[in-house]
Amino acid sequence: MKKVILLVLVFIGTQNVIGQEKTKSEGSFGIKGGLNYSTVTQGDFDEGPDPRTSFHIGFFSEIPLIDKVFSIQPEFIYSRQGFENNFTLLGNNYKTTYKIDYINVPVLAKIYLGKTFAIEAGPQFGLKINENVETNNSTTETNDVNAFDTALAAGISLNFDSVFISGRYTYSLNEVVKNSNAKNSVFQVGLGFKF
């Protein structure tokens, strides 16, 4: 819980930076959300894990450094991720679903290529806030997933005044499930609104 509060304070501190930047060029703040298509790399799993579809939602700010060309975009996102793993034991088929919830804080460099199209890339820092494993409709709380996730994120966006559509891919730099060598791999599509 202390880590979540720390992340919120960091994001609020970012808003003070935006306020100072507005004297040079107008910054923006907004909300965004969308779909996640998440899985993990095979690692030490016998078979390749299957994806889990869920959602993400949160806040972002855009701080222009070069007007209409280059911005920094920090975000504070609640993201439901995880994966499914099918296996056979004593002739019976089982499906295990790892449901992993994160607070993710990407800090992206955003480069506009024209008025509408932009590319974005940068690091993402994630804090696991919940973890459940569901096997054949039986759910248990576990502690198999590492608490912190560092990832690289890259994507594109189409920007229309106060609305944008984005697509993004994130890939972990460290393993997700302990002693598995498996890493998060997440595709996201979303919609955002600037205020």
N, C-alpha and C. Protein backbone atom coordinates (compact mmCIF):
# COMPACT_ATOMS: atom_id res chain seq x y z
N MET A 1 0.83 -1.19 0.00
CA MET A 1 0.00 0.00 0.00
C MET A 1 0.87 1.26 0.00
N LYS A 2 1.99 1.22 0.74
CA LYS A 2 2.88 2.38 0.76
C LYS A 2 3.43 2.68 -0.62
N LYS A 3 3.70 1.63 -1.40
CA LYS A 3 4.22 1.84 -2.75
C LYS A 3 3.19 2.49 -3.65
N VAL A 4 1.91 2.09 -3.50
CA VAL A 4 0.84 2.70 -4.29
C VAL A 4 0.72 4.18 -3.96
N ILE A 5 0.76 4.52 -2.66
CA ILE A 5 0.69 5.92 -2.24
C ILE A 5 1.87 6.71 -2.80
N LEU A 6 3.06 6.10 -2.79
CA LEU A 6 4.24 6.76 -3.35
C LEU A 6 4.07 7.03 -4.84
N LEU A 7 3.52 6.06 -5.58
CA LEU A 7 3.30 6.26 -7.01
C LEU A 7 2.29 7.38 -7.27
N VAL A 8 1.24 7.45 -6.44
CA VAL A 8 0.25 8.53 -6.59
C VAL A 8 0.91 9.88 -6.34
N LEU A 9 1.76 9.97 -5.31
CA LEU A 9 2.44 11.23 -5.01
C LEU A 9 3.39 11.65 -6.14
N VAL A 10 4.06 10.67 -6.75
CA VAL A 10 4.93 10.97 -7.89
C VAL A 10 4.11 11.54 -9.04
N PHE A 11 2.93 10.95 -9.28
CA PHE A 11 2.10 11.44 -10.37
C PHE A 11 1.57 12.85 -10.07
N ILE A 12 1.19 13.10 -8.82
CA ILE A 12 0.73 14.44 -8.45
C ILE A 12 1.86 15.45 -8.61
N GLY A 13 3.08 15.03 -8.23
CA GLY A 13 4.24 15.91 -8.42
C GLY A 13 4.45 16.26 -9.87
N THR A 14 4.16 15.31 -10.75
CA THR A 14 4.27 15.57 -12.19
C THR A 14 3.32 16.68 -12.61
N GLN A 15 2.15 16.73 -11.98
CA GLN A 15 1.18 17.78 -12.32
C GLN A 15 1.73 19.18 -11.99
N ASN A 16 2.54 19.29 -10.94
CA ASN A 16 3.16 20.57 -10.63
C ASN A 16 4.12 20.99 -11.74
N VAL A 17 4.83 20.00 -12.30
CA VAL A 17 5.72 20.29 -13.43
C VAL A 17 4.92 20.79 -14.62
N ILE A 18 3.75 20.17 -14.84
CA ILE A 18 2.90 20.60 -15.95
C ILE A 18 2.48 22.05 -15.76
N GLY A 19 2.10 22.38 -14.53
CA GLY A 19 1.70 23.76 -14.24
C GLY A 19 2.79 24.75 -14.57
N GLN A 20 4.04 24.41 -14.29
CA GLN A 20 5.15 25.29 -14.61
C GLN A 20 5.40 25.35 -16.10
N GLU A 21 5.21 24.21 -16.79
CA GLU A 21 5.43 24.17 -18.23
C GLU A 21 4.39 24.99 -18.99
N LYS A 22 3.21 25.15 -18.43
CA LYS A 22 2.14 25.85 -19.15
C LYS A 22 2.51 27.29 -19.46
N THR A 23 3.44 27.86 -18.75
CA THR A 23 3.85 29.22 -19.07
C THR A 23 4.60 29.26 -20.40
N LYS A 24 5.27 28.17 -20.77
CA LYS A 24 5.99 28.12 -22.04
C LYS A 24 5.09 27.60 -23.16
N SER A 25 4.37 26.51 -22.92
CA SER A 25 3.52 25.88 -23.91
C SER A 25 2.43 25.12 -23.18
N GLU A 26 1.24 25.15 -23.71
CA GLU A 26 0.11 24.57 -23.03
C GLU A 26 0.25 23.05 -22.90
N GLY A 27 0.26 22.54 -21.67
CA GLY A 27 0.28 21.11 -21.41
C GLY A 27 -1.15 20.60 -21.30
N SER A 28 -1.31 19.28 -21.20
CA SER A 28 -2.65 18.73 -21.08
C SER A 28 -2.67 17.59 -20.07
N PHE A 29 -3.86 17.29 -19.61
CA PHE A 29 -4.11 16.24 -18.64
C PHE A 29 -5.38 15.53 -19.08
N GLY A 30 -5.47 14.24 -18.81
CA GLY A 30 -6.68 13.56 -19.24
C GLY A 30 -6.81 12.15 -18.70
N ILE A 31 -7.83 11.45 -19.22
CA ILE A 31 -8.08 10.07 -18.84
C ILE A 31 -7.98 9.20 -20.09
N LYS A 32 -7.66 7.92 -19.87
CA LYS A 32 -7.58 6.99 -20.98
C LYS A 32 -7.96 5.60 -20.51
N GLY A 33 -8.34 4.76 -21.43
CA GLY A 33 -8.67 3.38 -21.10
C GLY A 33 -8.78 2.56 -22.36
N GLY A 34 -8.85 1.25 -22.18
CA GLY A 34 -8.96 0.39 -23.34
C GLY A 34 -8.76 -1.07 -23.00
N LEU A 35 -8.44 -1.86 -24.02
CA LEU A 35 -8.32 -3.30 -23.89
C LEU A 35 -6.87 -3.73 -23.77
N ASN A 36 -6.65 -4.79 -22.98
CA ASN A 36 -5.35 -5.45 -22.88
C ASN A 36 -5.46 -6.84 -23.50
N TYR A 37 -4.44 -7.22 -24.22
CA TYR A 37 -4.28 -8.58 -24.72
C TYR A 37 -2.93 -9.04 -24.20
N SER A 38 -2.93 -9.69 -23.04
CA SER A 38 -1.68 -9.95 -22.33
C SER A 38 -1.36 -11.43 -22.25
N THR A 39 -0.07 -11.72 -22.21
CA THR A 39 0.42 -13.07 -22.00
C THR A 39 1.83 -12.95 -21.42
N VAL A 40 2.53 -14.06 -21.35
CA VAL A 40 3.94 -14.04 -20.97
C VAL A 40 4.70 -14.88 -21.98
N THR A 41 6.00 -14.62 -22.09
CA THR A 41 6.83 -15.46 -22.95
C THR A 41 6.88 -16.86 -22.35
N GLN A 42 7.22 -17.85 -23.14
CA GLN A 42 7.12 -19.25 -22.69
C GLN A 42 7.95 -19.54 -21.46
N GLY A 43 9.17 -19.03 -21.40
CA GLY A 43 10.01 -19.29 -20.24
C GLY A 43 10.13 -20.77 -19.97
N ASP A 44 9.94 -21.16 -18.73
CA ASP A 44 10.05 -22.56 -18.34
C ASP A 44 8.73 -23.32 -18.36
N PHE A 45 7.65 -22.68 -18.87
CA PHE A 45 6.39 -23.40 -19.01
C PHE A 45 6.53 -24.45 -20.11
N ASP A 46 5.93 -25.63 -19.89
CA ASP A 46 6.07 -26.72 -20.86
C ASP A 46 5.48 -26.35 -22.21
N GLU A 47 4.35 -25.65 -22.20
CA GLU A 47 3.72 -25.19 -23.42
C GLU A 47 3.63 -23.67 -23.36
N GLY A 48 3.55 -23.04 -24.53
CA GLY A 48 3.44 -21.59 -24.56
C GLY A 48 2.15 -21.12 -23.91
N PRO A 49 2.21 -20.16 -22.99
CA PRO A 49 0.99 -19.66 -22.34
C PRO A 49 0.05 -18.99 -23.35
N ASP A 50 -1.24 -19.06 -23.06
CA ASP A 50 -2.26 -18.42 -23.88
C ASP A 50 -2.57 -17.03 -23.33
N PRO A 51 -3.05 -16.12 -24.19
CA PRO A 51 -3.32 -14.75 -23.72
C PRO A 51 -4.58 -14.64 -22.87
N ARG A 52 -4.61 -13.57 -22.09
CA ARG A 52 -5.79 -13.18 -21.32
C ARG A 52 -6.22 -11.80 -21.81
N THR A 53 -7.50 -11.62 -22.05
CA THR A 53 -8.03 -10.33 -22.50
C THR A 53 -8.69 -9.63 -21.32
N SER A 54 -8.31 -8.37 -21.08
CA SER A 54 -8.90 -7.60 -20.00
C SER A 54 -8.84 -6.11 -20.36
N PHE A 55 -8.63 -5.22 -19.37
CA PHE A 55 -8.70 -3.79 -19.64
C PHE A 55 -7.67 -3.01 -18.85
N HIS A 56 -7.50 -1.75 -19.22
CA HIS A 56 -6.69 -0.79 -18.46
C HIS A 56 -7.43 0.54 -18.43
N ILE A 57 -7.18 1.32 -17.36
CA ILE A 57 -7.81 2.64 -17.24
C ILE A 57 -6.94 3.51 -16.32
N GLY A 58 -6.89 4.81 -16.61
CA GLY A 58 -6.08 5.67 -15.76
C GLY A 58 -5.99 7.09 -16.26
N PHE A 59 -4.94 7.78 -15.78
CA PHE A 59 -4.72 9.19 -16.07
C PHE A 59 -3.40 9.38 -16.80
N PHE A 60 -3.30 10.46 -17.53
CA PHE A 60 -2.05 10.79 -18.19
C PHE A 60 -1.89 12.31 -18.22
N SER A 61 -0.69 12.74 -18.46
CA SER A 61 -0.44 14.15 -18.74
C SER A 61 0.54 14.23 -19.89
N GLU A 62 0.47 15.29 -20.64
CA GLU A 62 1.38 15.51 -21.76
C GLU A 62 2.08 16.85 -21.56
N ILE A 63 3.41 16.80 -21.48
CA ILE A 63 4.22 17.98 -21.20
C ILE A 63 5.01 18.33 -22.45
N PRO A 64 4.62 19.37 -23.19
CA PRO A 64 5.35 19.72 -24.42
C PRO A 64 6.73 20.30 -24.11
N LEU A 65 7.75 19.76 -24.75
CA LEU A 65 9.10 20.30 -24.63
C LEU A 65 9.46 21.10 -25.88
N ILE A 66 9.04 20.61 -27.05
CA ILE A 66 9.12 21.35 -28.30
C ILE A 66 7.71 21.38 -28.86
N ASP A 67 7.11 22.55 -28.92
CA ASP A 67 5.70 22.69 -29.25
C ASP A 67 5.34 21.97 -30.54
N LYS A 68 4.32 21.09 -30.45
CA LYS A 68 3.76 20.34 -31.57
C LYS A 68 4.75 19.37 -32.21
N VAL A 69 5.87 19.09 -31.52
CA VAL A 69 6.86 18.16 -32.06
C VAL A 69 7.24 17.08 -31.05
N PHE A 70 7.60 17.49 -29.82
CA PHE A 70 8.14 16.54 -28.85
C PHE A 70 7.57 16.82 -27.46
N SER A 71 7.04 15.75 -26.83
CA SER A 71 6.46 15.86 -25.49
C SER A 71 6.91 14.69 -24.63
N ILE A 72 6.77 14.86 -23.32
CA ILE A 72 6.92 13.76 -22.37
C ILE A 72 5.52 13.43 -21.85
N GLN A 73 5.18 12.14 -21.84
CA GLN A 73 3.84 11.73 -21.43
C GLN A 73 3.92 10.72 -20.29
N PRO A 74 3.87 11.18 -19.03
CA PRO A 74 3.77 10.25 -17.90
C PRO A 74 2.32 9.81 -17.71
N GLU A 75 2.14 8.58 -17.25
CA GLU A 75 0.80 8.04 -17.05
C GLU A 75 0.72 7.30 -15.71
N PHE A 76 -0.48 7.14 -15.23
CA PHE A 76 -0.76 6.39 -14.00
C PHE A 76 -1.93 5.48 -14.33
N ILE A 77 -1.66 4.17 -14.55
CA ILE A 77 -2.64 3.27 -15.15
C ILE A 77 -2.89 2.03 -14.28
N TYR A 78 -4.17 1.73 -14.05
CA TYR A 78 -4.56 0.44 -13.47
C TYR A 78 -4.72 -0.53 -14.64
N SER A 79 -3.98 -1.64 -14.60
CA SER A 79 -3.95 -2.56 -15.73
C SER A 79 -4.17 -3.99 -15.26
N ARG A 80 -5.19 -4.64 -15.84
CA ARG A 80 -5.47 -6.06 -15.53
C ARG A 80 -4.78 -6.91 -16.58
N GLN A 81 -3.80 -7.69 -16.13
CA GLN A 81 -3.00 -8.49 -17.04
C GLN A 81 -3.03 -9.95 -16.60
N GLY A 82 -2.15 -10.74 -17.17
CA GLY A 82 -2.07 -12.15 -16.80
C GLY A 82 -1.99 -13.03 -18.04
N PHE A 83 -2.29 -14.30 -17.84
CA PHE A 83 -2.21 -15.26 -18.93
C PHE A 83 -2.91 -16.55 -18.52
N GLU A 84 -3.11 -17.43 -19.49
CA GLU A 84 -3.69 -18.74 -19.24
C GLU A 84 -2.67 -19.81 -19.56
N ASN A 85 -2.70 -20.90 -18.80
CA ASN A 85 -1.78 -22.00 -19.03
C ASN A 85 -2.56 -23.31 -18.99
N ASN A 86 -2.56 -24.02 -20.11
CA ASN A 86 -3.25 -25.30 -20.20
C ASN A 86 -2.24 -26.43 -19.99
N PHE A 87 -2.63 -27.43 -19.18
CA PHE A 87 -1.73 -28.55 -18.97
C PHE A 87 -2.53 -29.81 -18.70
N THR A 88 -1.87 -30.95 -18.85
CA THR A 88 -2.50 -32.25 -18.63
C THR A 88 -1.81 -32.94 -17.45
N LEU A 89 -2.61 -33.47 -16.52
CA LEU A 89 -2.08 -34.16 -15.35
C LEU A 89 -2.89 -35.43 -15.14
N LEU A 90 -2.22 -36.58 -15.18
CA LEU A 90 -2.86 -37.89 -15.01
C LEU A 90 -4.04 -38.07 -15.97
N GLY A 91 -3.84 -37.65 -17.20
CA GLY A 91 -4.87 -37.82 -18.23
C GLY A 91 -5.98 -36.80 -18.21
N ASN A 92 -5.97 -35.87 -17.24
CA ASN A 92 -7.00 -34.83 -17.16
C ASN A 92 -6.44 -33.49 -17.64
N ASN A 93 -7.28 -32.75 -18.37
CA ASN A 93 -6.88 -31.43 -18.88
C ASN A 93 -7.28 -30.35 -17.88
N TYR A 94 -6.36 -29.44 -17.62
CA TYR A 94 -6.60 -28.33 -16.69
C TYR A 94 -6.25 -27.01 -17.36
N LYS A 95 -6.97 -25.98 -16.95
CA LYS A 95 -6.65 -24.61 -17.41
C LYS A 95 -6.44 -23.74 -16.19
N THR A 96 -5.27 -23.13 -16.11
CA THR A 96 -4.96 -22.22 -15.02
C THR A 96 -4.88 -20.80 -15.57
N THR A 97 -5.62 -19.88 -14.96
CA THR A 97 -5.61 -18.48 -15.37
C THR A 97 -4.93 -17.65 -14.29
N TYR A 98 -3.83 -17.01 -14.64
CA TYR A 98 -3.15 -16.08 -13.74
C TYR A 98 -3.76 -14.70 -13.95
N LYS A 99 -4.39 -14.15 -12.92
CA LYS A 99 -4.98 -12.81 -12.99
C LYS A 99 -4.10 -11.88 -12.16
N ILE A 100 -3.40 -10.99 -12.85
CA ILE A 100 -2.41 -10.12 -12.20
C ILE A 100 -2.80 -8.67 -12.47
N ASP A 101 -3.03 -7.91 -11.40
CA ASP A 101 -3.38 -6.50 -11.53
C ASP A 101 -2.17 -5.64 -11.16
N TYR A 102 -1.91 -4.62 -11.98
CA TYR A 102 -0.77 -3.73 -11.77
C TYR A 102 -1.22 -2.28 -11.70
N ILE A 103 -0.46 -1.46 -11.00
CA ILE A 103 -0.45 -0.02 -11.21
C ILE A 103 0.81 0.24 -12.03
N ASN A 104 0.61 0.66 -13.27
CA ASN A 104 1.73 0.92 -14.17
C ASN A 104 1.97 2.42 -14.33
N VAL A 105 3.23 2.80 -14.35
CA VAL A 105 3.61 4.20 -14.55
C VAL A 105 4.58 4.27 -15.73
N PRO A 106 4.04 4.38 -16.96
CA PRO A 106 4.92 4.61 -18.10
C PRO A 106 5.33 6.07 -18.17
N VAL A 107 6.55 6.32 -18.60
CA VAL A 107 7.05 7.68 -18.84
C VAL A 107 7.59 7.68 -20.27
N LEU A 108 6.79 8.23 -21.19
CA LEU A 108 7.07 8.06 -22.61
C LEU A 108 7.50 9.35 -23.29
N ALA A 109 8.43 9.21 -24.20
CA ALA A 109 8.76 10.30 -25.11
C ALA A 109 7.79 10.20 -26.28
N LYS A 110 7.15 11.32 -26.62
CA LYS A 110 6.14 11.33 -27.68
C LYS A 110 6.58 12.29 -28.79
N ILE A 111 6.73 11.74 -29.99
CA ILE A 111 7.19 12.54 -31.13
C ILE A 111 6.07 12.61 -32.16
N TYR A 112 5.67 13.83 -32.49
CA TYR A 112 4.62 14.04 -33.49
C TYR A 112 5.24 14.05 -34.89
N LEU A 113 4.65 13.24 -35.77
CA LEU A 113 5.04 13.21 -37.18
C LEU A 113 3.88 13.79 -37.97
N GLY A 114 3.77 15.10 -37.95
CA GLY A 114 2.61 15.76 -38.52
C GLY A 114 1.65 16.18 -37.42
N LYS A 115 0.49 16.65 -37.82
CA LYS A 115 -0.47 17.18 -36.86
C LYS A 115 -1.18 16.08 -36.07
N THR A 116 -1.41 14.92 -36.67
CA THR A 116 -2.25 13.89 -36.08
C THR A 116 -1.46 12.69 -35.57
N PHE A 117 -0.49 12.22 -36.31
CA PHE A 117 0.19 10.96 -36.02
C PHE A 117 1.38 11.17 -35.08
N ALA A 118 1.51 10.29 -34.07
CA ALA A 118 2.64 10.38 -33.13
C ALA A 118 3.14 8.99 -32.78
N ILE A 119 4.44 8.90 -32.51
CA ILE A 119 5.02 7.67 -31.98
C ILE A 119 5.48 7.94 -30.56
N GLU A 120 5.46 6.90 -29.72
CA GLU A 120 5.83 7.07 -28.32
C GLU A 120 6.61 5.86 -27.84
N ALA A 121 7.57 6.10 -26.96
CA ALA A 121 8.38 5.01 -26.43
C ALA A 121 9.03 5.45 -25.13
N GLY A 122 9.29 4.46 -24.26
CA GLY A 122 9.95 4.76 -23.00
C GLY A 122 9.80 3.64 -22.00
N PRO A 123 10.31 3.85 -20.79
CA PRO A 123 10.22 2.82 -19.75
C PRO A 123 8.85 2.82 -19.08
N GLN A 124 8.52 1.67 -18.49
CA GLN A 124 7.30 1.55 -17.70
C GLN A 124 7.64 0.83 -16.41
N PHE A 125 7.12 1.35 -15.30
CA PHE A 125 7.37 0.78 -13.98
C PHE A 125 6.04 0.30 -13.42
N GLY A 126 5.98 -0.98 -13.06
CA GLY A 126 4.73 -1.57 -12.59
C GLY A 126 4.82 -2.13 -11.20
N LEU A 127 3.77 -1.93 -10.42
CA LEU A 127 3.67 -2.46 -9.07
C LEU A 127 2.47 -3.41 -9.03
N LYS A 128 2.72 -4.67 -8.71
CA LYS A 128 1.63 -5.65 -8.59
C LYS A 128 0.78 -5.30 -7.37
N ILE A 129 -0.54 -5.18 -7.57
CA ILE A 129 -1.42 -4.87 -6.45
C ILE A 129 -2.37 -6.02 -6.13
N ASN A 130 -2.48 -7.00 -7.03
CA ASN A 130 -3.35 -8.14 -6.78
C ASN A 130 -2.90 -9.31 -7.65
N GLU A 131 -3.10 -10.52 -7.11
CA GLU A 131 -2.72 -11.72 -7.86
C GLU A 131 -3.62 -12.87 -7.43
N ASN A 132 -4.30 -13.47 -8.40
CA ASN A 132 -5.13 -14.65 -8.17
C ASN A 132 -4.83 -15.69 -9.23
N VAL A 133 -4.91 -16.94 -8.85
CA VAL A 133 -4.76 -18.03 -9.81
C VAL A 133 -6.05 -18.85 -9.78
N GLU A 134 -6.65 -18.99 -10.94
CA GLU A 134 -7.91 -19.72 -11.05
C GLU A 134 -7.67 -21.00 -11.84
N THR A 135 -7.96 -22.15 -11.22
CA THR A 135 -7.82 -23.44 -11.88
C THR A 135 -9.16 -24.15 -11.86
N ASN A 136 -9.71 -24.36 -13.07
CA ASN A 136 -11.01 -25.03 -13.19
C ASN A 136 -12.04 -24.49 -12.20
N ASN A 137 -12.24 -23.18 -12.22
CA ASN A 137 -13.25 -22.47 -11.41
C ASN A 137 -12.94 -22.43 -9.92
N SER A 138 -11.75 -22.79 -9.51
CA SER A 138 -11.34 -22.67 -8.11
C SER A 138 -10.26 -21.59 -8.03
N THR A 139 -10.52 -20.51 -7.27
CA THR A 139 -9.61 -19.38 -7.20
C THR A 139 -8.83 -19.38 -5.89
N THR A 140 -7.52 -19.17 -6.00
CA THR A 140 -6.68 -19.07 -4.81
C THR A 140 -5.77 -17.85 -4.94
N GLU A 141 -5.49 -17.22 -3.80
CA GLU A 141 -4.51 -16.13 -3.77
C GLU A 141 -3.13 -16.74 -3.60
N THR A 142 -2.20 -16.28 -4.42
CA THR A 142 -0.84 -16.82 -4.36
C THR A 142 0.15 -15.68 -4.25
N ASN A 143 1.41 -16.03 -4.14
CA ASN A 143 2.48 -15.03 -4.15
C ASN A 143 3.59 -15.51 -5.08
N ASP A 144 3.17 -16.00 -6.26
CA ASP A 144 4.11 -16.54 -7.24
C ASP A 144 4.66 -15.47 -8.18
N VAL A 145 4.01 -14.32 -8.20
CA VAL A 145 4.37 -13.26 -9.16
C VAL A 145 5.22 -12.21 -8.46
N ASN A 146 6.28 -11.77 -9.12
CA ASN A 146 7.15 -10.74 -8.55
C ASN A 146 6.37 -9.45 -8.34
N ALA A 147 6.71 -8.72 -7.29
CA ALA A 147 5.95 -7.53 -6.90
C ALA A 147 6.18 -6.34 -7.82
N PHE A 148 7.34 -6.29 -8.48
CA PHE A 148 7.68 -5.12 -9.30
C PHE A 148 8.00 -5.57 -10.71
N ASP A 149 7.53 -4.80 -11.69
CA ASP A 149 7.76 -5.14 -13.09
C ASP A 149 8.31 -3.92 -13.82
N THR A 150 9.48 -4.08 -14.43
CA THR A 150 10.07 -3.03 -15.25
C THR A 150 9.95 -3.45 -16.70
N ALA A 151 9.46 -2.55 -17.54
CA ALA A 151 9.20 -2.91 -18.93
C ALA A 151 9.58 -1.76 -19.87
N LEU A 152 9.64 -2.09 -21.15
CA LEU A 152 9.79 -1.09 -22.20
C LEU A 152 8.47 -1.02 -22.95
N ALA A 153 8.05 0.19 -23.29
CA ALA A 153 6.78 0.40 -23.97
C ALA A 153 7.02 1.20 -25.25
N ALA A 154 6.27 0.86 -26.29
CA ALA A 154 6.35 1.60 -27.56
C ALA A 154 4.99 1.53 -28.24
N GLY A 155 4.62 2.60 -28.93
CA GLY A 155 3.33 2.59 -29.59
C GLY A 155 3.14 3.77 -30.52
N ILE A 156 1.93 3.88 -31.02
CA ILE A 156 1.54 4.97 -31.91
C ILE A 156 0.22 5.55 -31.41
N SER A 157 -0.06 6.77 -31.83
CA SER A 157 -1.35 7.37 -31.50
C SER A 157 -1.81 8.28 -32.63
N LEU A 158 -3.12 8.38 -32.76
CA LEU A 158 -3.77 9.32 -33.67
C LEU A 158 -4.47 10.35 -32.81
N ASN A 159 -4.09 11.61 -32.97
CA ASN A 159 -4.52 12.68 -32.07
C ASN A 159 -5.45 13.65 -32.79
N PHE A 160 -6.65 13.85 -32.22
CA PHE A 160 -7.65 14.74 -32.79
C PHE A 160 -8.11 15.71 -31.71
N ASP A 161 -7.55 16.89 -31.67
CA ASP A 161 -7.90 17.90 -30.67
C ASP A 161 -7.88 17.31 -29.26
N SER A 162 -9.06 17.04 -28.68
CA SER A 162 -9.11 16.57 -27.29
C SER A 162 -9.29 15.05 -27.18
N VAL A 163 -9.22 14.33 -28.28
CA VAL A 163 -9.40 12.88 -28.27
C VAL A 163 -8.23 12.22 -29.00
N PHE A 164 -7.81 11.05 -28.51
CA PHE A 164 -6.80 10.30 -29.26
C PHE A 164 -7.07 8.80 -29.16
N ILE A 165 -6.59 8.09 -30.16
CA ILE A 165 -6.65 6.63 -30.21
C ILE A 165 -5.22 6.13 -30.19
N SER A 166 -4.95 5.11 -29.38
CA SER A 166 -3.57 4.65 -29.26
C SER A 166 -3.47 3.14 -29.34
N GLY A 167 -2.31 2.68 -29.78
CA GLY A 167 -1.96 1.27 -29.77
C GLY A 167 -0.56 1.16 -29.19
N ARG A 168 -0.34 0.17 -28.32
CA ARG A 168 0.94 0.09 -27.61
C ARG A 168 1.31 -1.35 -27.32
N TYR A 169 2.62 -1.60 -27.26
CA TYR A 169 3.14 -2.91 -26.87
C TYR A 169 4.14 -2.70 -25.74
N THR A 170 4.02 -3.51 -24.68
CA THR A 170 5.00 -3.46 -23.58
C THR A 170 5.60 -4.84 -23.37
N TYR A 171 6.89 -4.84 -23.05
CA TYR A 171 7.63 -6.08 -22.84
C TYR A 171 8.48 -5.95 -21.59
N SER A 172 8.33 -6.90 -20.67
CA SER A 172 9.05 -6.85 -19.40
C SER A 172 10.54 -7.11 -19.57
N LEU A 173 11.31 -6.49 -18.69
CA LEU A 173 12.75 -6.73 -18.64
C LEU A 173 13.10 -7.77 -17.58
N ASN A 174 12.17 -8.06 -16.67
CA ASN A 174 12.41 -9.06 -15.62
C ASN A 174 11.30 -10.10 -15.65
N GLU A 175 11.55 -11.27 -15.03
CA GLU A 175 10.56 -12.34 -15.06
C GLU A 175 9.32 -11.98 -14.24
N VAL A 176 8.18 -12.54 -14.65
CA VAL A 176 6.91 -12.26 -13.99
C VAL A 176 6.67 -13.27 -12.87
N VAL A 177 6.52 -14.53 -13.25
CA VAL A 177 6.32 -15.60 -12.27
C VAL A 177 7.69 -16.03 -11.76
N LYS A 178 7.84 -16.09 -10.46
CA LYS A 178 9.14 -16.43 -9.87
C LYS A 178 9.66 -17.77 -10.38
N ASN A 179 10.95 -17.79 -10.70
CA ASN A 179 11.65 -19.00 -11.14
C ASN A 179 11.06 -19.61 -12.42
N SER A 180 10.50 -18.76 -13.29
CA SER A 180 9.91 -19.26 -14.53
C SER A 180 10.63 -18.74 -15.78
N ASN A 181 11.36 -17.63 -15.64
CA ASN A 181 12.00 -16.95 -16.76
C ASN A 181 10.99 -16.45 -17.79
N ALA A 182 9.70 -16.34 -17.42
CA ALA A 182 8.66 -15.83 -18.31
C ALA A 182 8.48 -14.33 -18.06
N LYS A 183 8.27 -13.58 -19.14
CA LYS A 183 8.16 -12.12 -19.06
C LYS A 183 6.84 -11.64 -19.64
N ASN A 184 6.31 -10.55 -19.07
CA ASN A 184 5.07 -9.97 -19.58
C ASN A 184 5.21 -9.52 -21.02
N SER A 185 4.16 -9.75 -21.78
CA SER A 185 4.07 -9.30 -23.17
C SER A 185 2.64 -8.83 -23.37
N VAL A 186 2.44 -7.51 -23.52
CA VAL A 186 1.08 -6.95 -23.50
C VAL A 186 0.85 -6.02 -24.69
N PHE A 187 -0.22 -6.29 -25.44
CA PHE A 187 -0.70 -5.37 -26.48
C PHE A 187 -1.88 -4.60 -25.89
N GLN A 188 -1.92 -3.30 -26.16
CA GLN A 188 -3.01 -2.46 -25.67
C GLN A 188 -3.56 -1.60 -26.80
N VAL A 189 -4.86 -1.45 -26.83
CA VAL A 189 -5.50 -0.45 -27.70
C VAL A 189 -6.41 0.37 -26.79
N GLY A 190 -6.47 1.68 -27.04
CA GLY A 190 -7.24 2.50 -26.13
C GLY A 190 -7.70 3.81 -26.72
N LEU A 191 -8.49 4.50 -25.92
CA LEU A 191 -9.06 5.80 -26.27
C LEU A 191 -8.79 6.74 -25.12
N GLY A 192 -8.37 7.96 -25.45
CA GLY A 192 -8.07 8.94 -24.41
C GLY A 192 -8.76 10.26 -24.66
N PHE A 193 -9.00 11.02 -23.57
CA PHE A 193 -9.65 12.33 -23.66
C PHE A 193 -8.78 13.35 -22.90
N LYS A 194 -8.41 14.42 -23.59
CA LYS A 194 -7.59 15.48 -22.98
C LYS A 194 -8.50 16.59 -22.46
N PHE A 195 -8.12 17.15 -21.32
CA PHE A 195 -8.88 18.27 -20.72
C PHE A 195 -8.11 19.57 -20.91
